């Protein structure tokens, strides 16, 4: 089997291929560009290719625009199953000074974090299409939505807090540790006292 055939088989197996998988399978970009020219695969964004009739994973495309980007706020709630509203506008947090990668992107709501806190609570979750995404964990997300309560839909906000309060896996110690670092410990404590 040639490298070109191997590449096409890999794309057909999952419906897409990423740069990471190309490197892992030792496939040169020459074969990618050849298949793109032949219209057998389609370039969606940098390092992300799909079949011509394949589905585009918008979560992956949005996050791939900036290496430091993390899904947060309402988008993170959706990925954690704490909201049933599929995002049309994606909440993304980047360090201060890194927003240019999302310049003129109407489907992105940018949030900023100090560089020292950008990785606080980052975990990896799968998108609905199975792609690996950087997302804030539930505790960081709860802190973020409380901090930005006025910028989030009240129904999403209320449901998320109620669902979090019911969770057996909630980590109140971690929540308060994050809240203190992010300067929202008083507000978080108030909400938790009401809900618990």
Protein backbone atom coordinates (compact mmCIF):
# COMPACT_ATOMS: atom_id res chain seq x y z
CA UNK A 1 0.00 0.00 0.00
CA UNK A 2 1.37 3.41 -0.97
CA UNK A 3 1.47 6.33 1.46
CA UNK A 4 -1.23 8.04 -0.61
CA UNK A 5 -3.51 4.99 -0.30
CA UNK A 6 -2.71 4.73 3.42
CA UNK A 7 -3.65 8.39 3.87
CA UNK A 8 -6.95 7.97 2.01
CA UNK A 9 -7.79 4.88 4.08
CA UNK A 10 -7.10 6.78 7.32
CA UNK A 11 -9.37 9.65 6.26
CA UNK A 12 -12.13 7.25 5.19
CA UNK A 13 -11.97 5.37 8.51
CA UNK A 14 -12.82 8.43 10.63
CA UNK A 15 -14.03 10.94 8.06
CA UNK A 16 -11.12 13.29 8.86
CA UNK A 17 -7.42 13.45 9.61
CA UNK A 18 -5.29 15.92 11.57
CA UNK A 19 -1.63 16.96 11.39
CA UNK A 20 -0.98 14.98 14.56
CA UNK A 21 -2.21 11.78 12.91
CA UNK A 22 -0.18 12.49 9.76
CA UNK A 23 3.00 12.74 11.86
CA UNK A 24 2.07 9.63 13.86
CA UNK A 25 1.65 7.63 10.62
CA UNK A 26 4.75 9.23 9.03
CA UNK A 27 2.80 10.61 6.09
CA UNK A 28 4.37 13.52 4.22
CA UNK A 29 2.28 16.64 3.48
CA UNK A 30 3.04 16.09 -0.21
CA UNK A 31 0.42 13.31 -0.24
CA UNK A 32 -2.08 15.55 1.54
CA UNK A 33 -1.67 18.33 -1.03
CA UNK A 34 -1.95 15.78 -3.85
CA UNK A 35 -5.28 14.47 -2.50
CA UNK A 36 -6.52 18.03 -1.95
CA UNK A 37 -5.69 18.89 -5.59
CA UNK A 38 -7.48 15.72 -6.72
CA UNK A 39 -10.47 16.82 -4.58
CA UNK A 40 -10.44 13.52 -2.68
CA UNK A 41 -10.02 15.37 0.62
CA UNK A 42 -10.86 18.93 1.65
CA UNK A 43 -8.83 21.28 3.89
CA UNK A 44 -11.12 22.74 6.56
CA UNK A 45 -8.46 24.59 8.54
CA UNK A 46 -4.77 24.35 9.26
CA UNK A 47 -3.95 20.70 9.91
CA UNK A 48 -7.55 19.44 9.61
CA UNK A 49 -8.78 17.59 6.51
CA UNK A 50 -12.06 15.83 5.77
CA UNK A 51 -13.71 13.86 2.97
CA UNK A 52 -15.58 16.05 0.46
CA UNK A 53 -18.94 14.98 1.94
CA UNK A 54 -17.67 14.78 5.53
CA UNK A 55 -18.93 16.66 8.56
CA UNK A 56 -16.98 19.64 9.85
CA UNK A 57 -16.29 19.64 13.59
CA UNK A 58 -16.75 23.33 14.33
CA UNK A 59 -15.54 22.86 17.91
CA UNK A 60 -12.19 21.61 16.62
CA UNK A 61 -11.98 24.29 13.91
CA UNK A 62 -12.61 27.13 16.39
CA UNK A 63 -10.08 25.84 18.91
CA UNK A 64 -7.41 25.15 16.28
CA UNK A 65 -7.13 28.88 15.50
CA UNK A 66 -5.03 29.53 18.63
CA UNK A 67 -2.82 27.10 20.57
CA UNK A 68 -3.49 28.85 23.88
CA UNK A 69 -7.30 28.85 23.46
CA UNK A 70 -9.56 26.94 25.86
CA UNK A 71 -13.33 26.42 25.64
CA UNK A 72 -15.01 28.14 28.58
CA UNK A 73 -18.28 29.57 29.90
CA UNK A 74 -21.47 28.37 28.10
CA UNK A 75 -19.50 26.28 25.59
CA UNK A 76 -17.74 24.43 28.42
CA UNK A 77 -21.12 23.91 30.14
CA UNK A 78 -22.42 22.29 26.94
CA UNK A 79 -19.35 20.02 26.65
CA UNK A 80 -19.80 19.00 30.31
CA UNK A 81 -23.52 18.25 29.69
CA UNK A 82 -24.58 21.05 32.05
CA UNK A 83 -26.40 22.82 29.20
CA UNK A 84 -28.47 21.40 26.37
CA UNK A 85 -28.04 24.45 24.13
CA UNK A 86 -25.74 23.67 21.23
CA UNK A 87 -23.43 26.66 20.87
CA UNK A 88 -23.86 28.90 17.84
CA UNK A 89 -21.31 31.29 19.31
CA UNK A 90 -18.34 29.59 20.97
CA UNK A 91 -16.95 30.88 24.27
CA UNK A 92 -13.17 30.80 24.12
CA UNK A 93 -10.69 32.02 26.73
CA UNK A 94 -7.20 33.13 25.70
CA UNK A 95 -4.41 34.91 27.59
CA UNK A 96 -4.39 38.72 27.38
CA UNK A 97 -2.75 39.72 24.09
CA UNK A 98 -3.71 36.55 22.18
CA UNK A 99 -7.08 37.58 20.71
CA UNK A 100 -5.83 38.37 17.19
CA UNK A 101 -6.28 34.77 16.06
CA UNK A 102 -10.03 35.33 16.43
CA UNK A 103 -10.16 38.77 14.84
CA UNK A 104 -13.37 39.19 12.78
CA UNK A 105 -14.74 35.80 13.91
CA UNK A 106 -18.44 36.40 14.50
CA UNK A 107 -19.00 32.92 15.95
CA UNK A 108 -16.51 33.42 18.83
CA UNK A 109 -17.10 35.25 22.11
CA UNK A 110 -13.63 35.98 23.48
CA UNK A 111 -12.79 35.97 27.17
CA UNK A 112 -9.38 36.82 28.60
CA UNK A 113 -7.34 35.37 31.42
CA UNK A 114 -4.02 36.26 32.99
CA UNK A 115 -1.29 34.03 31.59
CA UNK A 116 -0.70 32.54 35.06
CA UNK A 117 -4.32 31.27 35.17
CA UNK A 118 -4.89 30.24 31.54
CA UNK A 119 -4.16 26.57 32.31
CA UNK A 120 -5.96 26.53 35.67
CA UNK A 121 -8.50 23.72 35.38
CA UNK A 122 -7.75 22.76 31.77
CA UNK A 123 -8.80 19.22 30.88
CA UNK A 124 -9.31 17.34 27.64
CA UNK A 125 -12.80 16.38 26.47
CA UNK A 126 -14.10 14.99 23.21
CA UNK A 127 -16.21 17.04 20.85
CA UNK A 128 -19.50 15.54 19.62
CA UNK A 129 -17.43 14.30 16.64
CA UNK A 130 -14.76 12.66 18.79
CA UNK A 131 -12.01 15.28 18.44
CA UNK A 132 -9.91 16.11 21.50
CA UNK A 133 -10.54 19.60 22.87
CA UNK A 134 -9.08 21.77 25.63
CA UNK A 135 -11.90 22.71 27.99
CA UNK A 136 -12.03 24.12 31.49
CA UNK A 137 -13.16 21.59 34.09
CA UNK A 138 -16.51 22.02 35.78
CA UNK A 139 -15.16 23.89 38.81
CA UNK A 140 -13.27 26.47 36.71
CA UNK A 141 -16.34 26.85 34.48
CA UNK A 142 -18.58 27.49 37.49
CA UNK A 143 -16.15 30.19 38.71
CA UNK A 144 -16.08 31.78 35.24
CA UNK A 145 -19.86 31.95 34.83
CA UNK A 146 -20.30 33.39 38.33
CA UNK A 147 -17.61 35.97 37.60
CA UNK A 148 -19.33 36.90 34.31
CA UNK A 149 -22.96 36.40 35.40
CA UNK A 150 -24.17 39.51 33.56
CA UNK A 151 -22.82 38.21 30.23
CA UNK A 152 -24.46 34.78 30.31
CA UNK A 153 -28.06 33.78 29.67
CA UNK A 154 -29.83 33.60 33.06
CA UNK A 155 -31.53 30.29 32.19
CA UNK A 156 -28.20 28.64 31.29
CA UNK A 157 -26.58 30.15 34.40
CA UNK A 158 -29.30 28.97 36.81
CA UNK A 159 -29.55 25.47 35.33
CA UNK A 160 -25.77 24.99 35.41
CA UNK A 161 -25.50 25.97 39.09
CA UNK A 162 -28.44 23.75 40.05
CA UNK A 163 -27.01 20.78 38.12
CA UNK A 164 -23.56 21.31 39.64
CA UNK A 165 -25.05 21.38 43.16
CA UNK A 166 -26.72 17.98 42.49
CA UNK A 167 -23.56 16.32 41.14
CA UNK A 168 -21.97 13.59 43.26
CA UNK A 169 -18.62 14.24 41.59
CA UNK A 170 -18.48 17.96 42.44
CA UNK A 171 -15.30 19.04 44.19
CA UNK A 172 -16.12 21.97 46.48
CA UNK A 173 -12.55 22.17 47.78
CA UNK A 174 -11.23 22.60 44.22
CA UNK A 175 -14.05 25.05 43.43
CA UNK A 176 -13.11 27.29 46.35
CA UNK A 177 -9.38 27.00 45.58
CA UNK A 178 -10.05 28.20 42.00
CA UNK A 179 -12.49 30.88 43.22
CA UNK A 180 -9.85 32.32 45.54
CA UNK A 181 -7.21 32.44 42.77
CA UNK A 182 -9.68 34.05 40.35
CA UNK A 183 -10.91 36.58 42.93
CA UNK A 184 -14.53 35.37 43.10
CA UNK A 185 -14.48 33.35 46.33
CA UNK A 186 -17.06 35.56 48.08
CA UNK A 187 -19.57 35.30 45.21
CA UNK A 188 -19.01 31.54 44.76
CA UNK A 189 -19.47 30.93 48.49
CA UNK A 190 -22.74 32.89 48.45
CA UNK A 191 -24.17 30.82 45.59
CA UNK A 192 -23.03 27.52 47.10
CA UNK A 193 -24.56 28.37 50.48
CA UNK A 194 -27.93 28.96 48.76
CA UNK A 195 -27.76 25.81 46.62
CA UNK A 196 -26.30 23.27 49.04
